């Protein structure tokens, strides 16, 4: 089995990623950075997780933002 020591997403749940980004940006700023309705209209962790799990392009944007946020 290949080790993923250089993968910052390894072992991190989508919920933890989302909570980190909400703590860092807040829902309003997050909705400007990643333009998806679940961040704009009555946002919640639960509804956002449901959407992100079904929408690969949105999940990729959120994961990329998370990785970017770790570098700063």
PDB file of N, CA and C in Angstrom:
ATOM      1  N   UNK A   1       0.838  -1.181   0.000  1.00  0.00           N
ATOM      2  CA  UNK A   1       0.000   0.000   0.000  1.00  0.00           C
ATOM      3  C   UNK A   1       0.885   1.247   0.000  1.00  0.00           C
ATOM      4  N   UNK A   2       0.525   2.205  -0.830  1.00  0.00           N
ATOM      5  CA  UNK A   2       1.312   3.412  -0.985  1.00  0.00           C
ATOM      6  C   UNK A   2       1.009   4.404   0.136  1.00  0.00           C
ATOM      7  N   UNK A   3       2.053   4.959   0.721  1.00  0.00           N
ATOM      8  CA  UNK A   3       1.878   5.967   1.759  1.00  0.00           C
ATOM      9  C   UNK A   3       1.544   7.306   1.116  1.00  0.00           C
ATOM     10  N   UNK A   4       0.764   8.109   1.817  1.00  0.00           N
ATOM     11  CA  UNK A   4       0.358   9.403   1.289  1.00  0.00           C
ATOM     12  C   UNK A   4       0.826  10.529   2.206  1.00  0.00           C
ATOM     13  N   UNK A   5       2.066  10.490   2.588  1.00  0.00           N
ATOM     14  CA  UNK A   5       2.580  11.483   3.525  1.00  0.00           C
ATOM     15  C   UNK A   5       2.589  12.884   2.948  1.00  0.00           C
ATOM     16  N   UNK A   6       2.650  13.019   1.625  1.00  0.00           N
ATOM     17  CA  UNK A   6       2.660  14.338   1.005  1.00  0.00           C
ATOM     18  C   UNK A   6       1.271  14.825   0.609  1.00  0.00           C
ATOM     19  N   UNK A   7       0.244  14.063   0.896  1.00  0.00           N
ATOM     20  CA  UNK A   7      -1.120  14.435   0.554  1.00  0.00           C
ATOM     21  C   UNK A   7      -1.775  15.099   1.768  1.00  0.00           C
ATOM     22  N   UNK A   8      -2.005  16.419   1.723  1.00  0.00           N
ATOM     23  CA  UNK A   8      -2.584  17.105   2.879  1.00  0.00           C
ATOM     24  C   UNK A   8      -4.035  16.712   3.148  1.00  0.00           C
ATOM     25  N   UNK A   9      -4.690  16.061   2.204  1.00  0.00           N
ATOM     26  CA  UNK A   9      -6.078  15.634   2.394  1.00  0.00           C
ATOM     27  C   UNK A   9      -6.191  14.240   3.000  1.00  0.00           C
ATOM     28  N   UNK A  10      -5.064  13.527   3.054  1.00  0.00           N
ATOM     29  CA  UNK A  10      -5.084  12.161   3.576  1.00  0.00           C
ATOM     30  C   UNK A  10      -5.494  12.151   5.050  1.00  0.00           C
ATOM     31  N   UNK A  11      -6.533  11.401   5.356  1.00  0.00           N
ATOM     32  CA  UNK A  11      -6.988  11.246   6.731  1.00  0.00           C
ATOM     33  C   UNK A  11      -7.870  12.369   7.232  1.00  0.00           C
ATOM     34  N   UNK A  12      -8.181  13.341   6.384  1.00  0.00           N
ATOM     35  CA  UNK A  12      -9.027  14.466   6.778  1.00  0.00           C
ATOM     36  C   UNK A  12     -10.422  14.258   6.196  1.00  0.00           C
ATOM     37  N   UNK A  13     -11.436  14.374   7.021  1.00  0.00           N
ATOM     38  CA  UNK A  13     -12.802  14.200   6.535  1.00  0.00           C
ATOM     39  C   UNK A  13     -13.280  15.474   5.850  1.00  0.00           C
ATOM     40  N   UNK A  14     -14.248  15.312   4.986  1.00  0.00           N
ATOM     41  CA  UNK A  14     -14.845  16.469   4.325  1.00  0.00           C
ATOM     42  C   UNK A  14     -15.472  17.403   5.359  1.00  0.00           C
ATOM     43  N   UNK A  15     -16.037  16.842   6.395  1.00  0.00           N
ATOM     44  CA  UNK A  15     -16.631  17.663   7.461  1.00  0.00           C
ATOM     45  C   UNK A  15     -15.556  18.517   8.135  1.00  0.00           C
ATOM     46  N   UNK A  16     -14.412  17.936   8.426  1.00  0.00           N
ATOM     47  CA  UNK A  16     -13.324  18.690   9.061  1.00  0.00           C
ATOM     48  C   UNK A  16     -12.818  19.789   8.137  1.00  0.00           C
ATOM     49  N   UNK A  17     -12.736  19.503   6.841  1.00  0.00           N
ATOM     50  CA  UNK A  17     -12.310  20.507   5.872  1.00  0.00           C
ATOM     51  C   UNK A  17     -13.295  21.665   5.865  1.00  0.00           C
ATOM     52  N   UNK A  18     -14.570  21.348   5.795  1.00  0.00           N
ATOM     53  CA  UNK A  18     -15.605  22.371   5.748  1.00  0.00           C
ATOM     54  C   UNK A  18     -15.625  23.199   7.036  1.00  0.00           C
ATOM     55  N   UNK A  19     -15.518  22.548   8.178  1.00  0.00           N
ATOM     56  CA  UNK A  19     -15.497  23.281   9.451  1.00  0.00           C
ATOM     57  C   UNK A  19     -14.291  24.219   9.528  1.00  0.00           C
ATOM     58  N   UNK A  20     -13.144  23.772   9.055  1.00  0.00           N
ATOM     59  CA  UNK A  20     -11.938  24.601   9.028  1.00  0.00           C
ATOM     60  C   UNK A  20     -12.173  25.848   8.176  1.00  0.00           C
ATOM     61  N   UNK A  21     -12.738  25.654   6.985  1.00  0.00           N
ATOM     62  CA  UNK A  21     -12.958  26.779   6.078  1.00  0.00           C
ATOM     63  C   UNK A  21     -14.002  27.751   6.617  1.00  0.00           C
ATOM     64  N   UNK A  22     -15.047  27.240   7.241  1.00  0.00           N
ATOM     65  CA  UNK A  22     -16.073  28.115   7.827  1.00  0.00           C
ATOM     66  C   UNK A  22     -15.472  28.913   8.982  1.00  0.00           C
ATOM     67  N   UNK A  23     -14.653  28.277   9.801  1.00  0.00           N
ATOM     68  CA  UNK A  23     -13.983  28.990  10.897  1.00  0.00           C
ATOM     69  C   UNK A  23     -13.045  30.072  10.357  1.00  0.00           C
ATOM     70  N   UNK A  24     -12.372  29.761   9.273  1.00  0.00           N
ATOM     71  CA  UNK A  24     -11.391  30.673   8.701  1.00  0.00           C
ATOM     72  C   UNK A  24     -12.045  31.830   7.948  1.00  0.00           C
ATOM     73  N   UNK A  25     -13.036  31.539   7.127  1.00  0.00           N
ATOM     74  CA  UNK A  25     -13.635  32.546   6.246  1.00  0.00           C
ATOM     75  C   UNK A  25     -15.010  33.028   6.691  1.00  0.00           C
ATOM     76  N   UNK A  26     -15.778  32.169   7.344  1.00  0.00           N
ATOM     77  CA  UNK A  26     -17.188  32.476   7.583  1.00  0.00           C
ATOM     78  C   UNK A  26     -17.987  32.128   6.334  1.00  0.00           C
ATOM     79  N   UNK A  27     -19.280  31.928   6.484  1.00  0.00           N
ATOM     80  CA  UNK A  27     -20.103  31.488   5.361  1.00  0.00           C
ATOM     81  C   UNK A  27     -20.133  32.516   4.234  1.00  0.00           C
ATOM     82  N   UNK A  28     -20.274  33.796   4.584  1.00  0.00           N
ATOM     83  CA  UNK A  28     -20.410  34.816   3.541  1.00  0.00           C
ATOM     84  C   UNK A  28     -19.155  34.906   2.675  1.00  0.00           C
ATOM     85  N   UNK A  29     -18.002  35.001   3.295  1.00  0.00           N
ATOM     86  CA  UNK A  29     -16.757  35.069   2.523  1.00  0.00           C
ATOM     87  C   UNK A  29     -16.515  33.781   1.757  1.00  0.00           C
ATOM     88  N   UNK A  30     -16.834  32.660   2.373  1.00  0.00           N
ATOM     89  CA  UNK A  30     -16.658  31.374   1.705  1.00  0.00           C
ATOM     90  C   UNK A  30     -17.515  31.299   0.445  1.00  0.00           C
ATOM     91  N   UNK A  31     -18.723  31.867   0.497  1.00  0.00           N
ATOM     92  CA  UNK A  31     -19.607  31.845  -0.672  1.00  0.00           C
ATOM     93  C   UNK A  31     -19.068  32.708  -1.806  1.00  0.00           C
ATOM     94  N   UNK A  32     -18.236  33.691  -1.488  1.00  0.00           N
ATOM     95  CA  UNK A  32     -17.618  34.509  -2.536  1.00  0.00           C
ATOM     96  C   UNK A  32     -16.417  33.785  -3.156  1.00  0.00           C
ATOM     97  N   UNK A  33     -15.715  33.030  -2.350  1.00  0.00           N
ATOM     98  CA  UNK A  33     -14.536  32.310  -2.838  1.00  0.00           C
ATOM     99  C   UNK A  33     -14.948  31.069  -3.635  1.00  0.00           C
ATOM    100  N   UNK A  34     -15.916  30.332  -3.118  1.00  0.00           N
ATOM    101  CA  UNK A  34     -16.460  29.155  -3.807  1.00  0.00           C
ATOM    102  C   UNK A  34     -17.939  29.444  -4.048  1.00  0.00           C
ATOM    103  N   UNK A  35     -18.279  29.783  -5.271  1.00  0.00           N
ATOM    104  CA  UNK A  35     -19.612  30.273  -5.619  1.00  0.00           C
ATOM    105  C   UNK A  35     -20.605  29.120  -5.794  1.00  0.00           C
ATOM    106  N   UNK A  36     -21.117  28.648  -4.653  1.00  0.00           N
ATOM    107  CA  UNK A  36     -22.156  27.614  -4.693  1.00  0.00           C
ATOM    108  C   UNK A  36     -23.279  28.021  -3.738  1.00  0.00           C
ATOM    109  N   UNK A  37     -24.513  27.707  -4.131  1.00  0.00           N
ATOM    110  CA  UNK A  37     -25.682  28.163  -3.389  1.00  0.00           C
ATOM    111  C   UNK A  37     -25.754  27.647  -1.960  1.00  0.00           C
ATOM    112  N   UNK A  38     -25.244  26.460  -1.701  1.00  0.00           N
ATOM    113  CA  UNK A  38     -25.358  25.922  -0.342  1.00  0.00           C
ATOM    114  C   UNK A  38     -24.530  26.736   0.660  1.00  0.00           C
ATOM    115  N   UNK A  39     -23.616  27.568   0.171  1.00  0.00           N
ATOM    116  CA  UNK A  39     -22.865  28.471   1.053  1.00  0.00           C
ATOM    117  C   UNK A  39     -23.558  29.821   1.184  1.00  0.00           C
ATOM    118  N   UNK A  40     -24.526  30.106   0.310  1.00  0.00           N
ATOM    119  CA  UNK A  40     -25.185  31.413   0.279  1.00  0.00           C
ATOM    120  C   UNK A  40     -26.547  31.417   0.956  1.00  0.00           C
ATOM    121  N   UNK A  41     -27.343  30.407   0.675  1.00  0.00           N
ATOM    122  CA  UNK A  41     -28.734  30.392   1.106  1.00  0.00           C
ATOM    123  C   UNK A  41     -28.911  29.448   2.292  1.00  0.00           C
ATOM    124  N   UNK A  42     -29.095  30.025   3.473  1.00  0.00           N
ATOM    125  CA  UNK A  42     -29.289  29.260   4.710  1.00  0.00           C
ATOM    126  C   UNK A  42     -28.226  28.173   4.877  1.00  0.00           C
ATOM    127  N   UNK A  43     -26.950  28.569   4.915  1.00  0.00           N
ATOM    128  CA  UNK A  43     -25.864  27.577   4.944  1.00  0.00           C
ATOM    129  C   UNK A  43     -25.796  26.801   6.259  1.00  0.00           C
ATOM    130  N   UNK A  44     -25.425  25.546   6.127  1.00  0.00           N
ATOM    131  CA  UNK A  44     -25.159  24.713   7.296  1.00  0.00           C
ATOM    132  C   UNK A  44     -24.138  23.660   6.894  1.00  0.00           C
ATOM    133  N   UNK A  45     -23.464  23.113   7.877  1.00  0.00           N
ATOM    134  CA  UNK A  45     -22.491  22.056   7.611  1.00  0.00           C
ATOM    135  C   UNK A  45     -23.201  20.861   6.982  1.00  0.00           C
ATOM    136  N   UNK A  46     -24.342  20.487   7.532  1.00  0.00           N
ATOM    137  CA  UNK A  46     -25.069  19.306   7.061  1.00  0.00           C
ATOM    138  C   UNK A  46     -25.495  19.436   5.598  1.00  0.00           C
ATOM    139  N   UNK A  47     -26.135  20.538   5.249  1.00  0.00           N
ATOM    140  CA  UNK A  47     -26.603  20.696   3.868  1.00  0.00           C
ATOM    141  C   UNK A  47     -25.432  20.822   2.900  1.00  0.00           C
ATOM    142  N   UNK A  48     -24.373  21.470   3.328  1.00  0.00           N
ATOM    143  CA  UNK A  48     -23.197  21.627   2.475  1.00  0.00           C
ATOM    144  C   UNK A  48     -22.521  20.282   2.231  1.00  0.00           C
ATOM    145  N   UNK A  49     -22.434  19.453   3.270  1.00  0.00           N
ATOM    146  CA  UNK A  49     -21.839  18.125   3.115  1.00  0.00           C
ATOM    147  C   UNK A  49     -22.632  17.286   2.117  1.00  0.00           C
ATOM    148  N   UNK A  50     -23.952  17.337   2.203  1.00  0.00           N
ATOM    149  CA  UNK A  50     -24.792  16.576   1.269  1.00  0.00           C
ATOM    150  C   UNK A  50     -24.512  17.008  -0.162  1.00  0.00           C
ATOM    151  N   UNK A  51     -24.459  18.325  -0.391  1.00  0.00           N
ATOM    152  CA  UNK A  51     -24.206  18.833  -1.732  1.00  0.00           C
ATOM    153  C   UNK A  51     -22.808  18.461  -2.219  1.00  0.00           C
ATOM    154  N   UNK A  52     -21.809  18.676  -1.388  1.00  0.00           N
ATOM    155  CA  UNK A  52     -20.428  18.426  -1.791  1.00  0.00           C
ATOM    156  C   UNK A  52     -20.166  16.951  -2.077  1.00  0.00           C
ATOM    157  N   UNK A  53     -20.833  16.068  -1.363  1.00  0.00           N
ATOM    158  CA  UNK A  53     -20.650  14.630  -1.593  1.00  0.00           C
ATOM    159  C   UNK A  53     -21.244  14.191  -2.929  1.00  0.00           C
ATOM    160  N   UNK A  54     -22.226  14.948  -3.432  1.00  0.00           N
ATOM    161  CA  UNK A  54     -22.866  14.596  -4.703  1.00  0.00           C
ATOM    162  C   UNK A  54     -22.305  15.379  -5.889  1.00  0.00           C
ATOM    163  N   UNK A  55     -21.446  16.367  -5.627  1.00  0.00           N
ATOM    164  CA  UNK A  55     -21.014  17.285  -6.677  1.00  0.00           C
ATOM    165  C   UNK A  55     -19.489  17.363  -6.718  1.00  0.00           C
ATOM    166  N   UNK A  56     -18.870  16.515  -7.524  1.00  0.00           N
ATOM    167  CA  UNK A  56     -17.403  16.435  -7.542  1.00  0.00           C
ATOM    168  C   UNK A  56     -16.685  17.756  -7.839  1.00  0.00           C
ATOM    169  N   UNK A  57     -17.197  18.565  -8.777  1.00  0.00           N
ATOM    170  CA  UNK A  57     -16.501  19.811  -9.113  1.00  0.00           C
ATOM    171  C   UNK A  57     -16.482  20.771  -7.928  1.00  0.00           C
ATOM    172  N   UNK A  58     -17.573  20.812  -7.161  1.00  0.00           N
ATOM    173  CA  UNK A  58     -17.635  21.699  -5.997  1.00  0.00           C
ATOM    174  C   UNK A  58     -16.717  21.179  -4.889  1.00  0.00           C
ATOM    175  N   UNK A  59     -16.721  19.881  -4.702  1.00  0.00           N
ATOM    176  CA  UNK A  59     -15.846  19.291  -3.686  1.00  0.00           C
ATOM    177  C   UNK A  59     -14.379  19.562  -4.008  1.00  0.00           C
ATOM    178  N   UNK A  60     -14.019  19.464  -5.289  1.00  0.00           N
ATOM    179  CA  UNK A  60     -12.640  19.745  -5.692  1.00  0.00           C
ATOM    180  C   UNK A  60     -12.246  21.184  -5.372  1.00  0.00           C
ATOM    181  N   UNK A  61     -13.168  22.126  -5.592  1.00  0.00           N
ATOM    182  CA  UNK A  61     -12.884  23.532  -5.277  1.00  0.00           C
ATOM    183  C   UNK A  61     -12.684  23.725  -3.771  1.00  0.00           C
ATOM    184  N   UNK A  62     -13.529  23.087  -2.986  1.00  0.00           N
ATOM    185  CA  UNK A  62     -13.433  23.205  -1.526  1.00  0.00           C
ATOM    186  C   UNK A  62     -12.131  22.575  -1.029  1.00  0.00           C
ATOM    187  N   UNK A  63     -11.791  21.417  -1.554  1.00  0.00           N
ATOM    188  CA  UNK A  63     -10.544  20.758  -1.151  1.00  0.00           C
ATOM    189  C   UNK A  63      -9.328  21.589  -1.561  1.00  0.00           C
ATOM    190  N   UNK A  64      -9.358  22.187  -2.758  1.00  0.00           N
ATOM    191  CA  UNK A  64      -8.246  23.025  -3.210  1.00  0.00           C
ATOM    192  C   UNK A  64      -8.092  24.261  -2.325  1.00  0.00           C
ATOM    193  N   UNK A  65      -9.220  24.843  -1.920  1.00  0.00           N
ATOM    194  CA  UNK A  65      -9.187  26.005  -1.031  1.00  0.00           C
ATOM    195  C   UNK A  65      -8.592  25.606   0.333  1.00  0.00           C
ATOM    196  N   UNK A  66      -8.971  24.433   0.814  1.00  0.00           N
ATOM    197  CA  UNK A  66      -8.445  23.939   2.080  1.00  0.00           C
ATOM    198  C   UNK A  66      -6.916  23.786   2.010  1.00  0.00           C
ATOM    199  N   UNK A  67      -6.432  23.145   0.954  1.00  0.00           N
ATOM    200  CA  UNK A  67      -4.985  22.963   0.788  1.00  0.00           C
ATOM    201  C   UNK A  67      -4.295  24.316   0.707  1.00  0.00           C
ATOM    202  N   UNK A  68      -4.885  25.248  -0.033  1.00  0.00           N
ATOM    203  CA  UNK A  68      -4.328  26.597  -0.147  1.00  0.00           C
ATOM    204  C   UNK A  68      -4.291  27.291   1.221  1.00  0.00           C
ATOM    205  N   UNK A  69      -5.332  27.092   2.020  1.00  0.00           N
ATOM    206  CA  UNK A  69      -5.399  27.754   3.331  1.00  0.00           C
ATOM    207  C   UNK A  69      -4.327  27.229   4.299  1.00  0.00           C
ATOM    208  N   UNK A  70      -3.876  25.997   4.086  1.00  0.00           N
ATOM    209  CA  UNK A  70      -2.840  25.426   4.944  1.00  0.00           C
ATOM    210  C   UNK A  70      -1.474  26.046   4.675  1.00  0.00           C
ATOM    211  N   UNK A  71      -1.305  26.587   3.480  1.00  0.00           N
ATOM    212  CA  UNK A  71      -0.026  27.166   3.093  1.00  0.00           C
ATOM    213  C   UNK A  71       0.130  28.602   3.557  1.00  0.00           C
ATOM    214  N   UNK A  72      -0.946  29.192   4.042  1.00  0.00           N
ATOM    215  CA  UNK A  72      -0.897  30.600   4.451  1.00  0.00           C
ATOM    216  C   UNK A  72      -1.194  30.802   5.909  1.00  0.00           C
TER     217      UNK A  72
END
